[in-house]
Amino acid sequence: MPAIKVLGISSSPRRDGNSDVLLREALAGAEAAGAEVEYVALRDAKIAPCVECNHCYRTGVCRVEDDYQPIFRKMIETDRLIFASPVFFMAVCAHAKALIDRCQCLWSRKYVLKQPLFPTVGRDRRALVIAVGGSRSRKMFDCIRFTMKYYLDVLDMKCAASLFVNRVDERGAVRRHPSAMSEAARLGRELADPSASPPKEPAEVELYSE
């Protein structure tokens, strides 16, 4: 049986930012479980915002040529996705939102053109969502949940789990949060476990500090 492919997408503008650190820990867990892992940092890519030209309504393809296309292919080819974002103004950060908005072409393909994303139905694709914020608010992950729900929908992926950590702000401070680090590794291992059944509901790990 070929190894499960796990793609990790870091949307943090900071190298070794807290969501970035947790993503790498989750990927290490997946690799320890036998997966073939790949790490992509959106801060190193040039991805323009969606220009709402509606070209994809007719073709299902985004006409803007930049680094979105190779990342798009990776998202389509992978079996598992780990998407990590810091929380900015109670939402995903700009790098994440630019990539997600460009997936409008997938929405058009699925809901306007009624074209399947894959030639065979029922492909088992799952995702893990990681988000870290500096606020103590318990509401700051609400927008993350909704945005990622619809992003994963157009990718034909089920959200297997999410890891949300609050009150972590200074770069790399999450390394001093042993529960967050261990949970990231555990969730990465479980995501890559080929014997695990698809979840009926996403498992949410919420690590809150007052």
N, C-alpha and C. Protein backbone atom coordinates (compact mmCIF):
# COMPACT_ATOMS: atom_id res chain seq x y z
N MET A 1 0.85 -1.20 0.00
CA MET A 1 0.00 0.00 0.00
C MET A 1 0.88 1.25 0.00
N PRO A 2 0.64 2.20 -0.93
CA PRO A 2 1.45 3.41 -0.95
C PRO A 2 1.23 4.25 0.30
N ALA A 3 2.26 5.00 0.67
CA ALA A 3 2.17 5.86 1.86
C ALA A 3 1.13 6.95 1.65
N ILE A 4 0.44 7.29 2.72
CA ILE A 4 -0.51 8.39 2.68
C ILE A 4 0.26 9.71 2.51
N LYS A 5 -0.22 10.55 1.60
CA LYS A 5 0.40 11.85 1.38
C LYS A 5 -0.26 12.89 2.29
N VAL A 6 0.57 13.61 3.02
CA VAL A 6 0.08 14.66 3.93
C VAL A 6 0.72 15.98 3.53
N LEU A 7 -0.10 16.94 3.18
CA LEU A 7 0.37 18.28 2.82
C LEU A 7 0.11 19.23 3.98
N GLY A 8 1.14 19.91 4.42
CA GLY A 8 1.00 20.92 5.46
C GLY A 8 1.12 22.31 4.85
N ILE A 9 0.11 23.15 5.07
CA ILE A 9 0.13 24.52 4.55
C ILE A 9 0.21 25.48 5.73
N SER A 10 1.30 26.22 5.79
CA SER A 10 1.49 27.25 6.82
C SER A 10 1.14 28.60 6.22
N SER A 11 0.19 29.28 6.85
CA SER A 11 -0.17 30.62 6.36
C SER A 11 0.42 31.72 7.23
N SER A 12 1.21 31.34 8.22
CA SER A 12 1.80 32.33 9.11
C SER A 12 2.77 33.24 8.36
N PRO A 13 2.68 34.55 8.54
CA PRO A 13 3.67 35.43 7.92
C PRO A 13 5.03 35.34 8.61
N ARG A 14 5.07 34.72 9.79
CA ARG A 14 6.33 34.59 10.54
C ARG A 14 6.87 33.16 10.44
N ARG A 15 8.09 33.04 9.99
CA ARG A 15 8.75 31.75 10.08
C ARG A 15 8.93 31.42 11.56
N ASP A 16 8.60 30.21 11.95
CA ASP A 16 8.63 29.78 13.35
C ASP A 16 7.63 30.54 14.20
N GLY A 17 6.57 31.06 13.56
CA GLY A 17 5.44 31.56 14.32
C GLY A 17 4.75 30.40 14.99
N ASN A 18 3.81 30.67 15.89
CA ASN A 18 3.24 29.62 16.72
C ASN A 18 2.41 28.60 15.92
N SER A 19 1.61 29.08 14.98
CA SER A 19 0.86 28.12 14.16
C SER A 19 1.81 27.32 13.27
N ASP A 20 2.89 27.97 12.84
CA ASP A 20 3.90 27.32 12.01
C ASP A 20 4.59 26.21 12.80
N VAL A 21 4.92 26.47 14.06
CA VAL A 21 5.57 25.48 14.91
C VAL A 21 4.66 24.28 15.13
N LEU A 22 3.38 24.53 15.39
CA LEU A 22 2.44 23.43 15.62
C LEU A 22 2.23 22.61 14.34
N LEU A 23 2.21 23.29 13.21
CA LEU A 23 2.09 22.57 11.94
C LEU A 23 3.26 21.61 11.74
N ARG A 24 4.45 22.09 11.98
CA ARG A 24 5.63 21.23 11.81
C ARG A 24 5.59 20.05 12.78
N GLU A 25 5.08 20.27 13.98
CA GLU A 25 4.96 19.19 14.95
C GLU A 25 3.94 18.16 14.49
N ALA A 26 2.83 18.64 13.93
CA ALA A 26 1.81 17.73 13.40
C ALA A 26 2.36 16.93 12.21
N LEU A 27 3.13 17.58 11.36
CA LEU A 27 3.73 16.88 10.22
C LEU A 27 4.74 15.83 10.70
N ALA A 28 5.48 16.15 11.76
CA ALA A 28 6.42 15.17 12.32
C ALA A 28 5.67 13.96 12.85
N GLY A 29 4.51 14.21 13.47
CA GLY A 29 3.68 13.10 13.93
C GLY A 29 3.18 12.25 12.78
N ALA A 30 2.76 12.89 11.71
CA ALA A 30 2.28 12.17 10.53
C ALA A 30 3.40 11.35 9.90
N GLU A 31 4.58 11.94 9.84
CA GLU A 31 5.72 11.23 9.25
C GLU A 31 6.09 10.01 10.10
N ALA A 32 6.01 10.17 11.43
CA ALA A 32 6.30 9.05 12.33
C ALA A 32 5.30 7.91 12.13
N ALA A 33 4.09 8.25 11.66
CA ALA A 33 3.07 7.24 11.39
C ALA A 33 3.23 6.60 10.02
N GLY A 34 4.27 7.00 9.28
CA GLY A 34 4.55 6.39 7.98
C GLY A 34 4.09 7.17 6.78
N ALA A 35 3.61 8.40 7.00
CA ALA A 35 3.11 9.20 5.89
C ALA A 35 4.25 9.87 5.12
N GLU A 36 3.96 10.22 3.89
CA GLU A 36 4.85 11.03 3.06
C GLU A 36 4.41 12.47 3.23
N VAL A 37 5.22 13.31 3.84
CA VAL A 37 4.78 14.66 4.20
C VAL A 37 5.47 15.72 3.35
N GLU A 38 4.76 16.83 3.17
CA GLU A 38 5.31 17.99 2.46
C GLU A 38 4.84 19.26 3.16
N TYR A 39 5.74 20.22 3.29
CA TYR A 39 5.46 21.48 3.97
C TYR A 39 5.50 22.62 2.96
N VAL A 40 4.47 23.46 2.98
CA VAL A 40 4.40 24.62 2.09
C VAL A 40 4.14 25.86 2.95
N ALA A 41 4.94 26.90 2.77
CA ALA A 41 4.75 28.16 3.49
C ALA A 41 4.21 29.21 2.52
N LEU A 42 3.03 29.70 2.77
CA LEU A 42 2.42 30.68 1.87
C LEU A 42 3.18 32.00 1.87
N ARG A 43 3.93 32.29 2.94
CA ARG A 43 4.70 33.54 2.98
C ARG A 43 5.78 33.55 1.91
N ASP A 44 6.17 32.39 1.40
CA ASP A 44 7.19 32.31 0.36
C ASP A 44 6.58 32.28 -1.05
N ALA A 45 5.26 32.36 -1.13
CA ALA A 45 4.57 32.28 -2.42
C ALA A 45 3.96 33.62 -2.79
N LYS A 46 3.79 33.83 -4.08
CA LYS A 46 3.10 35.03 -4.57
C LYS A 46 1.72 34.59 -5.03
N ILE A 47 0.70 34.91 -4.23
CA ILE A 47 -0.68 34.55 -4.54
C ILE A 47 -1.53 35.82 -4.50
N ALA A 48 -2.00 36.20 -5.67
CA ALA A 48 -2.83 37.40 -5.77
C ALA A 48 -4.23 37.11 -5.23
N PRO A 49 -4.94 38.14 -4.82
CA PRO A 49 -6.32 37.92 -4.39
C PRO A 49 -7.21 37.58 -5.57
N CYS A 50 -8.33 36.96 -5.30
CA CYS A 50 -9.35 36.73 -6.34
C CYS A 50 -9.81 38.08 -6.90
N VAL A 51 -9.87 38.21 -8.22
CA VAL A 51 -10.28 39.47 -8.85
C VAL A 51 -11.76 39.45 -9.25
N GLU A 52 -12.46 38.38 -8.92
CA GLU A 52 -13.90 38.25 -9.19
C GLU A 52 -14.24 38.54 -10.65
N CYS A 53 -13.46 37.96 -11.56
CA CYS A 53 -13.73 38.15 -12.98
C CYS A 53 -14.78 37.17 -13.50
N ASN A 54 -15.06 36.14 -12.69
CA ASN A 54 -16.06 35.10 -13.03
C ASN A 54 -15.67 34.26 -14.24
N HIS A 55 -14.42 34.31 -14.62
CA HIS A 55 -13.93 33.43 -15.69
C HIS A 55 -14.16 31.96 -15.31
N CYS A 56 -13.98 31.65 -14.02
CA CYS A 56 -14.12 30.26 -13.57
C CYS A 56 -15.57 29.77 -13.64
N TYR A 57 -16.53 30.69 -13.73
CA TYR A 57 -17.93 30.27 -13.87
C TYR A 57 -18.16 29.55 -15.19
N ARG A 58 -17.31 29.85 -16.17
CA ARG A 58 -17.45 29.23 -17.49
C ARG A 58 -16.49 28.06 -17.69
N THR A 59 -15.34 28.11 -16.99
CA THR A 59 -14.29 27.13 -17.26
C THR A 59 -13.95 26.24 -16.06
N GLY A 60 -14.26 26.70 -14.85
CA GLY A 60 -13.83 25.98 -13.65
C GLY A 60 -12.37 26.16 -13.34
N VAL A 61 -11.71 27.07 -14.06
CA VAL A 61 -10.26 27.28 -13.92
C VAL A 61 -10.00 28.75 -13.60
N CYS A 62 -9.07 29.00 -12.68
CA CYS A 62 -8.70 30.39 -12.36
C CYS A 62 -7.76 30.91 -13.44
N ARG A 63 -8.07 32.09 -13.96
CA ARG A 63 -7.27 32.65 -15.05
C ARG A 63 -6.04 33.40 -14.55
N VAL A 64 -5.95 33.70 -13.26
CA VAL A 64 -4.81 34.44 -12.72
C VAL A 64 -3.64 33.47 -12.56
N GLU A 65 -2.55 33.76 -13.22
CA GLU A 65 -1.38 32.88 -13.20
C GLU A 65 -0.36 33.37 -12.17
N ASP A 66 -0.15 32.57 -11.14
CA ASP A 66 0.87 32.87 -10.13
C ASP A 66 1.17 31.59 -9.37
N ASP A 67 1.59 31.69 -8.13
CA ASP A 67 1.97 30.50 -7.37
C ASP A 67 0.78 29.70 -6.87
N TYR A 68 -0.42 30.19 -7.11
CA TYR A 68 -1.60 29.42 -6.70
C TYR A 68 -1.67 28.09 -7.43
N GLN A 69 -1.34 28.09 -8.71
CA GLN A 69 -1.52 26.88 -9.52
C GLN A 69 -0.73 25.67 -8.98
N PRO A 70 0.57 25.79 -8.69
CA PRO A 70 1.28 24.61 -8.15
C PRO A 70 0.77 24.19 -6.78
N ILE A 71 0.36 25.17 -5.95
CA ILE A 71 -0.18 24.80 -4.64
C ILE A 71 -1.55 24.15 -4.81
N PHE A 72 -2.32 24.63 -5.77
CA PHE A 72 -3.62 24.01 -6.08
C PHE A 72 -3.43 22.53 -6.43
N ARG A 73 -2.44 22.24 -7.26
CA ARG A 73 -2.21 20.85 -7.65
C ARG A 73 -1.83 19.99 -6.45
N LYS A 74 -1.04 20.56 -5.54
CA LYS A 74 -0.68 19.82 -4.33
C LYS A 74 -1.92 19.54 -3.47
N MET A 75 -2.81 20.52 -3.36
CA MET A 75 -4.02 20.35 -2.57
C MET A 75 -4.90 19.25 -3.16
N ILE A 76 -4.93 19.16 -4.48
CA ILE A 76 -5.76 18.16 -5.15
C ILE A 76 -5.14 16.76 -5.03
N GLU A 77 -3.84 16.69 -5.11
CA GLU A 77 -3.17 15.39 -5.11
C GLU A 77 -3.05 14.76 -3.73
N THR A 78 -3.08 15.55 -2.67
CA THR A 78 -2.82 15.01 -1.34
C THR A 78 -3.99 14.20 -0.80
N ASP A 79 -3.67 13.27 0.09
CA ASP A 79 -4.69 12.49 0.79
C ASP A 79 -5.16 13.20 2.06
N ARG A 80 -4.23 13.88 2.70
CA ARG A 80 -4.52 14.57 3.96
C ARG A 80 -3.95 15.99 3.89
N LEU A 81 -4.63 16.90 4.55
CA LEU A 81 -4.19 18.30 4.57
C LEU A 81 -4.15 18.78 6.01
N ILE A 82 -3.07 19.45 6.37
CA ILE A 82 -2.99 20.14 7.66
C ILE A 82 -2.83 21.62 7.35
N PHE A 83 -3.81 22.41 7.73
CA PHE A 83 -3.82 23.85 7.41
C PHE A 83 -3.69 24.63 8.72
N ALA A 84 -2.69 25.50 8.79
CA ALA A 84 -2.42 26.24 10.01
C ALA A 84 -2.45 27.74 9.77
N SER A 85 -3.10 28.46 10.68
CA SER A 85 -3.19 29.91 10.55
C SER A 85 -3.18 30.57 11.93
N PRO A 86 -2.51 31.71 12.04
CA PRO A 86 -2.71 32.54 13.22
C PRO A 86 -4.06 33.25 13.09
N VAL A 87 -4.60 33.70 14.21
CA VAL A 87 -5.86 34.44 14.19
C VAL A 87 -5.55 35.93 14.11
N PHE A 88 -6.03 36.58 13.05
CA PHE A 88 -5.90 38.02 12.88
C PHE A 88 -7.30 38.62 12.84
N PHE A 89 -7.60 39.54 13.74
CA PHE A 89 -8.92 40.18 13.76
C PHE A 89 -10.05 39.15 13.71
N MET A 90 -9.90 38.10 14.52
CA MET A 90 -10.92 37.05 14.68
C MET A 90 -11.14 36.24 13.41
N ALA A 91 -10.14 36.15 12.54
CA ALA A 91 -10.28 35.40 11.30
C ALA A 91 -8.93 34.82 10.90
N VAL A 92 -8.91 34.04 9.80
CA VAL A 92 -7.63 33.57 9.28
C VAL A 92 -6.82 34.76 8.79
N CYS A 93 -5.52 34.60 8.72
CA CYS A 93 -4.67 35.71 8.30
C CYS A 93 -4.75 35.93 6.79
N ALA A 94 -4.15 37.00 6.32
CA ALA A 94 -4.27 37.41 4.91
C ALA A 94 -3.72 36.36 3.95
N HIS A 95 -2.58 35.75 4.29
CA HIS A 95 -2.01 34.73 3.41
C HIS A 95 -2.98 33.57 3.22
N ALA A 96 -3.63 33.16 4.32
CA ALA A 96 -4.61 32.07 4.24
C ALA A 96 -5.81 32.47 3.42
N LYS A 97 -6.31 33.67 3.65
CA LYS A 97 -7.54 34.10 2.97
C LYS A 97 -7.32 34.26 1.47
N ALA A 98 -6.14 34.71 1.07
CA ALA A 98 -5.87 34.84 -0.36
C ALA A 98 -5.95 33.48 -1.06
N LEU A 99 -5.33 32.46 -0.44
CA LEU A 99 -5.37 31.12 -1.02
C LEU A 99 -6.80 30.58 -1.05
N ILE A 100 -7.51 30.74 0.05
CA ILE A 100 -8.88 30.23 0.13
C ILE A 100 -9.78 30.91 -0.89
N ASP A 101 -9.66 32.22 -1.02
CA ASP A 101 -10.51 32.95 -1.98
C ASP A 101 -10.25 32.51 -3.41
N ARG A 102 -9.02 32.15 -3.73
CA ARG A 102 -8.71 31.69 -5.08
C ARG A 102 -9.34 30.33 -5.38
N CYS A 103 -9.79 29.63 -4.34
CA CYS A 103 -10.48 28.36 -4.54
C CYS A 103 -11.92 28.57 -4.99
N GLN A 104 -12.27 29.82 -5.30
CA GLN A 104 -13.57 30.10 -5.91
C GLN A 104 -13.74 29.30 -7.20
N CYS A 105 -12.64 29.02 -7.88
CA CYS A 105 -12.73 28.21 -9.11
C CYS A 105 -13.24 26.81 -8.80
N LEU A 106 -12.90 26.28 -7.63
CA LEU A 106 -13.40 24.97 -7.24
C LEU A 106 -14.89 25.03 -6.88
N TRP A 107 -15.28 26.13 -6.24
CA TRP A 107 -16.70 26.33 -5.94
C TRP A 107 -17.49 26.39 -7.24
N SER A 108 -16.96 27.10 -8.23
CA SER A 108 -17.63 27.21 -9.52
C SER A 108 -17.73 25.85 -10.20
N ARG A 109 -16.65 25.10 -10.12
CA ARG A 109 -16.66 23.78 -10.75
C ARG A 109 -17.70 22.87 -10.10
N LYS A 110 -17.78 22.94 -8.78
CA LYS A 110 -18.68 22.03 -8.05
C LYS A 110 -20.13 22.46 -8.11
N TYR A 111 -20.40 23.77 -7.92
CA TYR A 111 -21.77 24.22 -7.75
C TYR A 111 -22.37 24.94 -8.96
N VAL A 112 -21.54 25.44 -9.86
CA VAL A 112 -22.06 26.10 -11.08
C VAL A 112 -22.00 25.14 -12.26
N LEU A 113 -20.83 24.56 -12.49
CA LEU A 113 -20.65 23.67 -13.64
C LEU A 113 -21.03 22.23 -13.33
N LYS A 114 -21.19 21.90 -12.03
CA LYS A 114 -21.58 20.54 -11.62
C LYS A 114 -20.58 19.49 -12.10
N GLN A 115 -19.30 19.86 -12.04
CA GLN A 115 -18.25 18.94 -12.47
C GLN A 115 -17.57 18.34 -11.23
N PRO A 116 -17.41 17.01 -11.19
CA PRO A 116 -16.74 16.41 -10.03
C PRO A 116 -15.27 16.78 -9.99
N LEU A 117 -14.75 16.88 -8.79
CA LEU A 117 -13.34 17.22 -8.63
C LEU A 117 -12.45 16.04 -9.01
N PHE A 118 -12.95 14.82 -8.78
CA PHE A 118 -12.19 13.61 -9.08
C PHE A 118 -13.01 12.70 -9.98
N PRO A 119 -12.35 11.90 -10.81
CA PRO A 119 -13.09 11.00 -11.72
C PRO A 119 -13.86 9.91 -10.99
N THR A 120 -13.39 9.54 -9.79
CA THR A 120 -14.09 8.53 -9.00
C THR A 120 -14.62 9.17 -7.73
N VAL A 121 -15.82 8.80 -7.33
CA VAL A 121 -16.42 9.39 -6.13
C VAL A 121 -15.95 8.64 -4.89
N GLY A 122 -16.10 9.30 -3.75
CA GLY A 122 -15.81 8.64 -2.49
C GLY A 122 -14.35 8.57 -2.10
N ARG A 123 -13.51 9.42 -2.67
CA ARG A 123 -12.10 9.41 -2.28
C ARG A 123 -11.97 9.88 -0.83
N ASP A 124 -11.18 9.17 -0.05
CA ASP A 124 -11.03 9.46 1.38
C ASP A 124 -9.97 10.55 1.58
N ARG A 125 -10.45 11.77 1.77
CA ARG A 125 -9.55 12.92 2.00
C ARG A 125 -9.97 13.60 3.30
N ARG A 126 -8.98 13.85 4.15
CA ARG A 126 -9.27 14.40 5.47
C ARG A 126 -8.32 15.54 5.78
N ALA A 127 -8.73 16.39 6.73
CA ALA A 127 -7.93 17.56 7.07
C ALA A 127 -7.88 17.78 8.57
N LEU A 128 -6.80 18.42 8.98
CA LEU A 128 -6.61 18.90 10.35
C LEU A 128 -6.41 20.40 10.27
N VAL A 129 -7.14 21.14 11.09
CA VAL A 129 -7.04 22.60 11.12
C VAL A 129 -6.36 23.02 12.42
N ILE A 130 -5.36 23.88 12.31
CA ILE A 130 -4.64 24.41 13.47
C ILE A 130 -4.75 25.93 13.46
N ALA A 131 -5.15 26.50 14.59
CA ALA A 131 -5.22 27.96 14.69
C ALA A 131 -4.75 28.39 16.08
N VAL A 132 -4.00 29.49 16.11
CA VAL A 132 -3.45 30.01 17.36
C VAL A 132 -3.72 31.50 17.41
N GLY A 133 -4.17 31.98 18.59
CA GLY A 133 -4.43 33.41 18.75
C GLY A 133 -3.93 33.94 20.08
N GLY A 134 -3.69 35.22 20.13
CA GLY A 134 -3.18 35.83 21.35
C GLY A 134 -4.24 36.25 22.34
N SER A 135 -5.47 36.38 21.88
CA SER A 135 -6.57 36.83 22.74
C SER A 135 -6.99 35.73 23.71
N ARG A 136 -7.67 36.11 24.79
CA ARG A 136 -8.24 35.13 25.69
C ARG A 136 -9.68 34.78 25.30
N SER A 137 -10.21 35.42 24.27
CA SER A 137 -11.59 35.21 23.87
C SER A 137 -11.83 33.78 23.39
N ARG A 138 -12.97 33.22 23.78
CA ARG A 138 -13.37 31.90 23.30
C ARG A 138 -14.10 31.98 21.97
N LYS A 139 -14.37 33.19 21.49
CA LYS A 139 -15.09 33.36 20.23
C LYS A 139 -14.18 33.52 19.02
N MET A 140 -12.89 33.69 19.26
CA MET A 140 -12.02 34.05 18.15
C MET A 140 -11.83 32.93 17.13
N PHE A 141 -12.21 31.71 17.49
CA PHE A 141 -12.07 30.61 16.55
C PHE A 141 -13.36 30.33 15.77
N ASP A 142 -14.43 31.07 16.06
CA ASP A 142 -15.71 30.84 15.36
C ASP A 142 -15.57 31.05 13.86
N CYS A 143 -14.93 32.15 13.48
CA CYS A 143 -14.77 32.45 12.05
C CYS A 143 -13.85 31.42 11.39
N ILE A 144 -12.84 30.94 12.13
CA ILE A 144 -11.96 29.90 11.59
C ILE A 144 -12.78 28.67 11.22
N ARG A 145 -13.67 28.28 12.13
CA ARG A 145 -14.49 27.08 11.89
C ARG A 145 -15.30 27.23 10.60
N PHE A 146 -15.97 28.36 10.44
CA PHE A 146 -16.83 28.55 9.27
C PHE A 146 -16.02 28.64 7.98
N THR A 147 -14.96 29.42 8.00
CA THR A 147 -14.14 29.58 6.79
C THR A 147 -13.56 28.24 6.35
N MET A 148 -13.02 27.49 7.30
CA MET A 148 -12.40 26.22 6.94
C MET A 148 -13.45 25.19 6.53
N LYS A 149 -14.63 25.26 7.08
CA LYS A 149 -15.70 24.33 6.69
C LYS A 149 -15.99 24.43 5.20
N TYR A 150 -16.13 25.66 4.70
CA TYR A 150 -16.49 25.83 3.30
C TYR A 150 -15.30 25.69 2.37
N TYR A 151 -14.12 26.01 2.85
CA TYR A 151 -12.89 25.77 2.08
C TYR A 151 -12.69 24.27 1.86
N LEU A 152 -12.83 23.50 2.93
CA LEU A 152 -12.65 22.06 2.81
C LEU A 152 -13.76 21.41 1.99
N ASP A 153 -14.94 22.00 2.01
CA ASP A 153 -16.05 21.47 1.22
C ASP A 153 -15.71 21.46 -0.27
N VAL A 154 -15.14 22.55 -0.77
CA VAL A 154 -14.85 22.59 -2.21
C VAL A 154 -13.64 21.72 -2.56
N LEU A 155 -12.84 21.36 -1.56
CA LEU A 155 -11.73 20.45 -1.78
C LEU A 155 -12.16 18.99 -1.64
N ASP A 156 -13.44 18.76 -1.37
CA ASP A 156 -13.94 17.40 -1.13
C ASP A 156 -13.16 16.73 -0.01
N MET A 157 -13.03 17.46 1.09
CA MET A 157 -12.31 16.94 2.26
C MET A 157 -13.20 16.99 3.49
N LYS A 158 -13.03 16.01 4.36
CA LYS A 158 -13.69 16.02 5.65
C LYS A 158 -12.72 16.57 6.69
N CYS A 159 -13.23 17.45 7.55
CA CYS A 159 -12.40 17.92 8.66
C CYS A 159 -12.38 16.83 9.72
N ALA A 160 -11.21 16.23 9.92
CA ALA A 160 -11.08 15.17 10.92
C ALA A 160 -10.92 15.74 12.32
N ALA A 161 -10.20 16.86 12.42
CA ALA A 161 -9.93 17.42 13.75
C ALA A 161 -9.47 18.86 13.63
N SER A 162 -9.54 19.57 14.74
CA SER A 162 -8.99 20.92 14.81
C SER A 162 -8.28 21.09 16.15
N LEU A 163 -7.27 21.94 16.14
CA LEU A 163 -6.52 22.28 17.34
C LEU A 163 -6.49 23.79 17.47
N PHE A 164 -7.13 24.31 18.52
CA PHE A 164 -7.21 25.74 18.75
C PHE A 164 -6.51 26.07 20.07
N VAL A 165 -5.61 27.05 20.03
CA VAL A 165 -4.85 27.44 21.22
C VAL A 165 -4.93 28.95 21.37
N ASN A 166 -5.33 29.43 22.55
CA ASN A 166 -5.43 30.87 22.76
C ASN A 166 -4.29 31.37 23.65
N ARG A 167 -4.20 32.68 23.75
CA ARG A 167 -3.24 33.38 24.60
C ARG A 167 -1.79 32.94 24.34
N VAL A 168 -1.47 32.77 23.08
CA VAL A 168 -0.09 32.52 22.66
C VAL A 168 0.22 33.52 21.56
N ASP A 169 1.19 34.38 21.79
CA ASP A 169 1.41 35.50 20.86
C ASP A 169 2.87 35.63 20.43
N GLU A 170 3.78 35.70 21.39
CA GLU A 170 5.20 35.87 21.07
C GLU A 170 5.69 34.73 20.18
N ARG A 171 6.50 35.08 19.20
CA ARG A 171 6.99 34.07 18.25
C ARG A 171 7.63 32.89 18.97
N GLY A 172 7.16 31.70 18.65
CA GLY A 172 7.72 30.49 19.22
C GLY A 172 7.30 30.17 20.64
N ALA A 173 6.43 31.01 21.22
CA ALA A 173 6.03 30.79 22.62
C ALA A 173 5.28 29.48 22.81
N VAL A 174 4.67 28.98 21.74
CA VAL A 174 3.91 27.74 21.87
C VAL A 174 4.81 26.55 22.22
N ARG A 175 6.10 26.67 22.00
CA ARG A 175 7.01 25.60 22.39
C ARG A 175 7.03 25.41 23.90
N ARG A 176 6.61 26.47 24.64
CA ARG A 176 6.53 26.37 26.09
C ARG A 176 5.13 25.93 26.54
N HIS A 177 4.36 25.43 25.60
CA HIS A 177 3.00 24.95 25.87
C HIS A 177 2.99 23.45 25.55
N PRO A 178 3.43 22.62 26.50
CA PRO A 178 3.61 21.19 26.19
C PRO A 178 2.34 20.49 25.74
N SER A 179 1.18 20.91 26.25
CA SER A 179 -0.07 20.27 25.83
C SER A 179 -0.34 20.52 24.36
N ALA A 180 -0.09 21.75 23.90
CA ALA A 180 -0.32 22.09 22.49
C ALA A 180 0.62 21.30 21.59
N MET A 181 1.88 21.19 21.98
CA MET A 181 2.86 20.47 21.17
C MET A 181 2.51 18.98 21.09
N SER A 182 2.15 18.40 22.22
CA SER A 182 1.85 16.96 22.22
C SER A 182 0.56 16.67 21.45
N GLU A 183 -0.43 17.57 21.57
CA GLU A 183 -1.69 17.38 20.84
C GLU A 183 -1.47 17.51 19.34
N ALA A 184 -0.62 18.43 18.92
CA ALA A 184 -0.33 18.57 17.49
C ALA A 184 0.29 17.30 16.94
N ALA A 185 1.25 16.74 17.67
CA ALA A 185 1.89 15.50 17.22
C ALA A 185 0.89 14.34 17.19
N ARG A 186 0.05 14.27 18.22
CA ARG A 186 -0.94 13.18 18.27
C ARG A 186 -1.93 13.29 17.13
N LEU A 187 -2.45 14.48 16.89
CA LEU A 187 -3.43 14.66 15.82
C LEU A 187 -2.81 14.40 14.45
N GLY A 188 -1.54 14.75 14.29
CA GLY A 188 -0.85 14.44 13.04
C GLY A 188 -0.72 12.94 12.82
N ARG A 189 -0.37 12.23 13.89
CA ARG A 189 -0.27 10.77 13.78
C ARG A 189 -1.61 10.14 13.43
N GLU A 190 -2.66 10.59 14.11
CA GLU A 190 -3.99 10.03 13.88
C GLU A 190 -4.49 10.34 12.47
N LEU A 191 -4.17 11.53 11.98
CA LEU A 191 -4.60 11.90 10.63
C LEU A 191 -3.98 10.98 9.59
N ALA A 192 -2.74 10.56 9.85
CA ALA A 192 -2.01 9.74 8.88
C ALA A 192 -2.21 8.24 9.07
N ASP A 193 -2.99 7.86 10.06
CA ASP A 193 -3.21 6.44 10.34
C ASP A 193 -4.11 5.84 9.27
N PRO A 194 -3.58 4.93 8.43
CA PRO A 194 -4.40 4.38 7.34
C PRO A 194 -5.52 3.47 7.81
N SER A 195 -5.44 3.02 9.07
CA SER A 195 -6.48 2.12 9.58
C SER A 195 -7.63 2.86 10.26
N ALA A 196 -7.47 4.17 10.46
CA ALA A 196 -8.49 4.95 11.15
C ALA A 196 -9.69 5.21 10.23
N SER A 197 -10.89 5.00 10.75
CA SER A 197 -12.10 5.25 9.98
C SER A 197 -12.36 6.74 9.86
N PRO A 198 -13.00 7.20 8.77
CA PRO A 198 -13.33 8.62 8.65
C PRO A 198 -14.23 9.05 9.81
N PRO A 199 -13.98 10.21 10.39
CA PRO A 199 -14.77 10.66 11.54
C PRO A 199 -16.17 11.08 11.12
N LYS A 200 -17.14 10.82 11.97
CA LYS A 200 -18.50 11.31 11.71
C LYS A 200 -18.59 12.80 11.98
N GLU A 201 -17.89 13.25 13.02
CA GLU A 201 -17.82 14.66 13.37
C GLU A 201 -16.36 15.01 13.67
N PRO A 202 -15.96 16.25 13.36
CA PRO A 202 -14.57 16.64 13.67
C PRO A 202 -14.31 16.60 15.17
N ALA A 203 -13.12 16.15 15.54
CA ALA A 203 -12.71 16.21 16.94
C ALA A 203 -12.07 17.56 17.18
N GLU A 204 -12.56 18.29 18.17
CA GLU A 204 -12.02 19.61 18.47
C GLU A 204 -11.21 19.56 19.75
N VAL A 205 -9.97 20.01 19.67
CA VAL A 205 -9.12 20.16 20.84
C VAL A 205 -8.96 21.65 21.07
N GLU A 206 -9.48 22.13 22.17
CA GLU A 206 -9.45 23.55 22.50
C GLU A 206 -8.63 23.73 23.76
N LEU A 207 -7.50 24.39 23.65
CA LEU A 207 -6.63 24.62 24.79
C LEU A 207 -6.70 26.10 25.17
N TYR A 208 -7.54 26.39 26.16
CA TYR A 208 -7.80 27.77 26.57
C TYR A 208 -7.11 28.08 27.90
N SER A 209 -6.56 29.29 27.98
CA SER A 209 -6.02 29.82 29.22
C SER A 209 -6.76 31.11 29.51
N GLU A 210 -7.12 31.30 30.75
CA GLU A 210 -7.83 32.53 31.15
C GLU A 210 -6.84 33.67 31.39
